[in-house]
Amino acid sequence: MNFEIDPYLLSQILGAIGAVIAICGPQFKHRWQMLVAYALCNLFWAAHFWLLGAIVAALMSMTGSLRFVVAIFSKARWILWLFVVLNVLVAWYTWELWYVSVLALISSLFIIFSSFVATDRLMRILVICGTLGWLIYDIMIWTYVGMLANTFFFLSGVIGFWRFEKK
């Protein structure tokens, strides 16, 4: 018996698992719960992007996962700027087409700043903006699971924002 799996299919499965976790994230009430969900989904998305050969997104997802874990315990400004510099270096080192790398960087910067803000409201707004950028990125690199995931993640973010802001 041969249990080998096609790398593209595996990437889509891992991306789908990350998507389910990401879609649940905005529905959590507390910041730390959202950050745990985002850290987990970023691990799955890092593997997803790596298997697709989208190295800039894979490395940004890996640093994103670490950032979300760190942000659970600290909102220190120097850590925020450390992750900003790290993502700029990742984008520069893994430079693809300029518009792909710049879009990935800008999208990740929205998410980075969201991790270190004090209020859930601003965090949700910045995540929604970053998600929209990643949705466009997914369309550009043609990942079906990414497109679907970030569409639902965007919608979940808007619904989560509306649910917790209507009170």
C-alpha atoms as a PDB file:
ATOM      1  CA  MET A   1       0.000   0.000   0.000  1.00  0.00           C
ATOM      2  CA  ASN A   2       1.188   3.465  -0.898  1.00  0.00           C
ATOM      3  CA  PHE A   3       0.133   6.203   1.521  1.00  0.00           C
ATOM      4  CA  GLU A   4       1.760   9.106  -0.309  1.00  0.00           C
ATOM      5  CA  ILE A   5      -0.359  12.206  -0.643  1.00  0.00           C
ATOM      6  CA  ASP A   6      -0.094  14.812  -3.338  1.00  0.00           C
ATOM      7  CA  PRO A   7       1.609  17.951  -1.897  1.00  0.00           C
ATOM      8  CA  TYR A   8      -1.046  20.222  -3.421  1.00  0.00           C
ATOM      9  CA  LEU A   9      -3.850  18.192  -1.841  1.00  0.00           C
ATOM     10  CA  LEU A  10      -2.024  18.178   1.504  1.00  0.00           C
ATOM     11  CA  SER A  11      -1.570  21.955   1.278  1.00  0.00           C
ATOM     12  CA  GLN A  12      -5.302  22.375   0.735  1.00  0.00           C
ATOM     13  CA  ILE A  13      -6.150  20.106   3.694  1.00  0.00           C
ATOM     14  CA  LEU A  14      -3.786  22.007   6.000  1.00  0.00           C
ATOM     15  CA  GLY A  15      -5.135  25.310   4.716  1.00  0.00           C
ATOM     16  CA  ALA A  16      -8.692  24.136   5.363  1.00  0.00           C
ATOM     17  CA  ILE A  17      -7.864  23.184   8.958  1.00  0.00           C
ATOM     18  CA  GLY A  18      -6.277  26.605   9.449  1.00  0.00           C
ATOM     19  CA  ALA A  19      -9.350  28.188   7.870  1.00  0.00           C
ATOM     20  CA  VAL A  20     -11.765  26.538  10.273  1.00  0.00           C
ATOM     21  CA  ILE A  21      -9.698  27.709  13.229  1.00  0.00           C
ATOM     22  CA  ALA A  22      -9.393  31.233  11.768  1.00  0.00           C
ATOM     23  CA  ILE A  23     -13.106  31.521  11.110  1.00  0.00           C
ATOM     24  CA  CYS A  24     -13.804  30.658  14.748  1.00  0.00           C
ATOM     25  CA  GLY A  25     -11.299  33.258  16.047  1.00  0.00           C
ATOM     26  CA  PRO A  26     -13.378  36.439  15.653  1.00  0.00           C
ATOM     27  CA  GLN A  27     -16.327  34.786  17.384  1.00  0.00           C
ATOM     28  CA  PHE A  28     -14.429  34.505  20.662  1.00  0.00           C
ATOM     29  CA  LYS A  29     -15.176  37.277  23.089  1.00  0.00           C
ATOM     30  CA  HIS A  30     -11.777  37.803  24.676  1.00  0.00           C
ATOM     31  CA  ARG A  31      -8.566  38.985  23.055  1.00  0.00           C
ATOM     32  CA  TRP A  32      -6.448  36.123  24.385  1.00  0.00           C
ATOM     33  CA  GLN A  33      -8.866  33.550  22.946  1.00  0.00           C
ATOM     34  CA  MET A  34      -8.672  35.187  19.524  1.00  0.00           C
ATOM     35  CA  LEU A  35      -4.866  35.266  19.730  1.00  0.00           C
ATOM     36  CA  VAL A  36      -4.659  31.535  20.541  1.00  0.00           C
ATOM     37  CA  ALA A  37      -6.905  30.729  17.563  1.00  0.00           C
ATOM     38  CA  TYR A  38      -4.852  32.972  15.269  1.00  0.00           C
ATOM     39  CA  ALA A  39      -1.577  31.396  16.456  1.00  0.00           C
ATOM     40  CA  LEU A  40      -2.882  27.922  15.656  1.00  0.00           C
ATOM     41  CA  CYS A  41      -4.343  28.839  12.279  1.00  0.00           C
ATOM     42  CA  ASN A  42      -1.070  30.523  11.281  1.00  0.00           C
ATOM     43  CA  LEU A  43       0.830  27.283  11.890  1.00  0.00           C
ATOM     44  CA  PHE A  44      -1.475  25.445   9.499  1.00  0.00           C
ATOM     45  CA  TRP A  45      -1.321  28.272   6.956  1.00  0.00           C
ATOM     46  CA  ALA A  46       2.484  28.344   7.126  1.00  0.00           C
ATOM     47  CA  ALA A  47       2.568  24.680   6.103  1.00  0.00           C
ATOM     48  CA  HIS A  48      -0.112  25.334   3.456  1.00  0.00           C
ATOM     49  CA  PHE A  49       1.825  28.191   1.847  1.00  0.00           C
ATOM     50  CA  TRP A  50       5.155  26.349   2.104  1.00  0.00           C
ATOM     51  CA  LEU A  51       3.763  23.386   0.181  1.00  0.00           C
ATOM     52  CA  LEU A  52       2.473  25.796  -2.483  1.00  0.00           C
ATOM     53  CA  GLY A  53       5.900  27.398  -2.797  1.00  0.00           C
ATOM     54  CA  ALA A  54       4.603  30.754  -1.494  1.00  0.00           C
ATOM     55  CA  ILE A  55       7.635  31.251   0.733  1.00  0.00           C
ATOM     56  CA  VAL A  56       6.951  34.890   1.731  1.00  0.00           C
ATOM     57  CA  ALA A  57       3.491  33.936   3.026  1.00  0.00           C
ATOM     58  CA  ALA A  58       4.832  30.790   4.716  1.00  0.00           C
ATOM     59  CA  LEU A  59       7.509  32.703   6.634  1.00  0.00           C
ATOM     60  CA  MET A  60       5.123  35.529   7.522  1.00  0.00           C
ATOM     61  CA  SER A  61       2.636  32.966   8.804  1.00  0.00           C
ATOM     62  CA  MET A  62       5.330  31.311  10.905  1.00  0.00           C
ATOM     63  CA  THR A  63       6.401  34.619  12.426  1.00  0.00           C
ATOM     64  CA  GLY A  64       2.709  35.469  12.797  1.00  0.00           C
ATOM     65  CA  SER A  65       2.109  32.399  14.894  1.00  0.00           C
ATOM     66  CA  LEU A  66       5.003  33.293  17.168  1.00  0.00           C
ATOM     67  CA  ARG A  67       3.789  36.903  17.341  1.00  0.00           C
ATOM     68  CA  PHE A  68       0.284  35.886  18.418  1.00  0.00           C
ATOM     69  CA  VAL A  69       1.695  33.709  21.199  1.00  0.00           C
ATOM     70  CA  VAL A  70       3.972  36.523  22.405  1.00  0.00           C
ATOM     71  CA  ALA A  71       1.094  39.043  22.217  1.00  0.00           C
ATOM     72  CA  ILE A  72      -0.961  36.917  24.632  1.00  0.00           C
ATOM     73  CA  PHE A  73       1.550  37.778  27.332  1.00  0.00           C
ATOM     74  CA  SER A  74       2.813  41.211  26.318  1.00  0.00           C
ATOM     75  CA  LYS A  75       1.734  44.345  24.450  1.00  0.00           C
ATOM     76  CA  ALA A  76       5.169  45.958  24.784  1.00  0.00           C
ATOM     77  CA  ARG A  77       5.905  48.419  21.988  1.00  0.00           C
ATOM     78  CA  TRP A  78       9.450  47.142  21.462  1.00  0.00           C
ATOM     79  CA  ILE A  79       8.056  43.664  20.701  1.00  0.00           C
ATOM     80  CA  LEU A  80       5.605  45.178  18.218  1.00  0.00           C
ATOM     81  CA  TRP A  81       8.463  46.925  16.402  1.00  0.00           C
ATOM     82  CA  LEU A  82      10.602  43.790  16.540  1.00  0.00           C
ATOM     83  CA  PHE A  83       7.894  41.929  14.600  1.00  0.00           C
ATOM     84  CA  VAL A  84       7.475  44.836  12.167  1.00  0.00           C
ATOM     85  CA  VAL A  85      11.205  44.751  11.391  1.00  0.00           C
ATOM     86  CA  LEU A  86      11.165  40.949  11.194  1.00  0.00           C
ATOM     87  CA  ASN A  87       8.318  40.996   8.648  1.00  0.00           C
ATOM     88  CA  VAL A  88      10.002  43.689   6.567  1.00  0.00           C
ATOM     89  CA  LEU A  89      13.149  41.525   6.506  1.00  0.00           C
ATOM     90  CA  VAL A  90      11.119  38.437   5.549  1.00  0.00           C
ATOM     91  CA  ALA A  91       9.452  40.353   2.704  1.00  0.00           C
ATOM     92  CA  TRP A  92      12.807  41.691   1.503  1.00  0.00           C
ATOM     93  CA  TYR A  93      14.578  38.311   1.773  1.00  0.00           C
ATOM     94  CA  THR A  94      11.823  36.361   0.021  1.00  0.00           C
ATOM     95  CA  TRP A  95      10.958  39.063  -2.519  1.00  0.00           C
ATOM     96  CA  GLU A  96       8.645  37.720  -5.234  1.00  0.00           C
ATOM     97  CA  LEU A  97       6.868  39.990  -7.665  1.00  0.00           C
ATOM     98  CA  TRP A  98       6.916  43.459  -6.099  1.00  0.00           C
ATOM     99  CA  TYR A  99       3.128  43.750  -5.830  1.00  0.00           C
ATOM    100  CA  VAL A 100       2.805  40.272  -4.273  1.00  0.00           C
ATOM    101  CA  SER A 101       5.481  40.903  -1.645  1.00  0.00           C
ATOM    102  CA  VAL A 102       4.266  44.430  -0.859  1.00  0.00           C
ATOM    103  CA  LEU A 103       0.680  43.220  -0.487  1.00  0.00           C
ATOM    104  CA  ALA A 104       1.770  40.386   1.834  1.00  0.00           C
ATOM    105  CA  LEU A 105       3.818  42.845   3.882  1.00  0.00           C
ATOM    106  CA  ILE A 106       1.055  45.452   4.199  1.00  0.00           C
ATOM    107  CA  SER A 107      -1.493  42.775   5.074  1.00  0.00           C
ATOM    108  CA  SER A 108       0.788  41.324   7.717  1.00  0.00           C
ATOM    109  CA  LEU A 109       1.476  44.791   9.159  1.00  0.00           C
ATOM    110  CA  PHE A 110      -2.255  45.292   9.792  1.00  0.00           C
ATOM    111  CA  ILE A 111      -2.293  41.961  11.622  1.00  0.00           C
ATOM    112  CA  ILE A 112       0.910  42.763  13.537  1.00  0.00           C
ATOM    113  CA  PHE A 113      -0.508  46.027  14.848  1.00  0.00           C
ATOM    114  CA  SER A 114      -3.772  44.252  15.714  1.00  0.00           C
ATOM    115  CA  SER A 115      -1.873  41.897  18.017  1.00  0.00           C
ATOM    116  CA  PHE A 116      -0.564  44.701  20.202  1.00  0.00           C
ATOM    117  CA  VAL A 117      -3.508  47.084  20.558  1.00  0.00           C
ATOM    118  CA  ALA A 118      -5.270  47.449  23.871  1.00  0.00           C
ATOM    119  CA  THR A 119      -8.877  47.193  22.737  1.00  0.00           C
ATOM    120  CA  ASP A 120     -10.745  44.280  21.194  1.00  0.00           C
ATOM    121  CA  ARG A 121     -12.576  46.738  18.931  1.00  0.00           C
ATOM    122  CA  LEU A 122      -9.432  48.110  17.267  1.00  0.00           C
ATOM    123  CA  MET A 123      -7.975  44.607  17.092  1.00  0.00           C
ATOM    124  CA  ARG A 124     -11.025  43.415  15.162  1.00  0.00           C
ATOM    125  CA  ILE A 125     -10.884  46.381  12.735  1.00  0.00           C
ATOM    126  CA  LEU A 126      -7.192  45.839  11.970  1.00  0.00           C
ATOM    127  CA  VAL A 127      -7.683  42.084  11.521  1.00  0.00           C
ATOM    128  CA  ILE A 128     -10.519  42.750   9.060  1.00  0.00           C
ATOM    129  CA  CYS A 129      -8.247  45.082   7.044  1.00  0.00           C
ATOM    130  CA  GLY A 130      -5.367  42.588   7.063  1.00  0.00           C
ATOM    131  CA  THR A 131      -7.674  39.747   6.086  1.00  0.00           C
ATOM    132  CA  LEU A 132      -8.909  41.660   3.065  1.00  0.00           C
ATOM    133  CA  GLY A 133      -5.291  42.084   1.941  1.00  0.00           C
ATOM    134  CA  TRP A 134      -4.565  38.376   2.409  1.00  0.00           C
ATOM    135  CA  LEU A 135      -7.712  37.537   0.427  1.00  0.00           C
ATOM    136  CA  ILE A 136      -6.360  39.552  -2.500  1.00  0.00           C
ATOM    137  CA  TYR A 137      -2.962  37.818  -2.050  1.00  0.00           C
ATOM    138  CA  ASP A 138      -4.666  34.406  -2.167  1.00  0.00           C
ATOM    139  CA  ILE A 139      -6.370  35.360  -5.418  1.00  0.00           C
ATOM    140  CA  MET A 140      -3.021  36.446  -6.861  1.00  0.00           C
ATOM    141  CA  ILE A 141      -1.286  33.144  -5.992  1.00  0.00           C
ATOM    142  CA  TRP A 142      -4.388  31.125  -6.860  1.00  0.00           C
ATOM    143  CA  THR A 143      -5.004  29.149  -3.670  1.00  0.00           C
ATOM    144  CA  TYR A 144      -8.615  28.024  -3.566  1.00  0.00           C
ATOM    145  CA  VAL A 145      -8.570  27.195   0.123  1.00  0.00           C
ATOM    146  CA  GLY A 146      -6.923  30.525   0.893  1.00  0.00           C
ATOM    147  CA  MET A 147      -9.532  32.416  -1.109  1.00  0.00           C
ATOM    148  CA  LEU A 148     -12.374  30.558   0.547  1.00  0.00           C
ATOM    149  CA  ALA A 149     -10.801  30.757   4.004  1.00  0.00           C
ATOM    150  CA  ASN A 150     -10.114  34.469   3.892  1.00  0.00           C
ATOM    151  CA  THR A 151     -13.547  35.197   2.445  1.00  0.00           C
ATOM    152  CA  PHE A 152     -15.131  33.428   5.401  1.00  0.00           C
ATOM    153  CA  PHE A 153     -12.548  34.845   7.823  1.00  0.00           C
ATOM    154  CA  PHE A 154     -13.349  38.346   6.567  1.00  0.00           C
ATOM    155  CA  LEU A 155     -17.092  37.733   6.929  1.00  0.00           C
ATOM    156  CA  SER A 156     -16.590  36.174  10.365  1.00  0.00           C
ATOM    157  CA  GLY A 157     -14.536  39.211  11.398  1.00  0.00           C
ATOM    158  CA  VAL A 158     -17.291  41.575  10.282  1.00  0.00           C
ATOM    159  CA  ILE A 159     -19.940  39.472  12.064  1.00  0.00           C
ATOM    160  CA  GLY A 160     -17.798  39.271  15.227  1.00  0.00           C
ATOM    161  CA  PHE A 161     -17.250  43.028  15.131  1.00  0.00           C
ATOM    162  CA  TRP A 162     -20.979  43.624  14.722  1.00  0.00           C
ATOM    163  CA  ARG A 163     -21.919  41.121  17.486  1.00  0.00           C
ATOM    164  CA  PHE A 164     -19.640  42.648  20.094  1.00  0.00           C
ATOM    165  CA  GLU A 165     -20.100  46.281  19.063  1.00  0.00           C
ATOM    166  CA  LYS A 166     -23.903  46.318  19.074  1.00  0.00           C
ATOM    167  CA  LYS A 167     -23.949  46.054  22.862  1.00  0.00           C
END
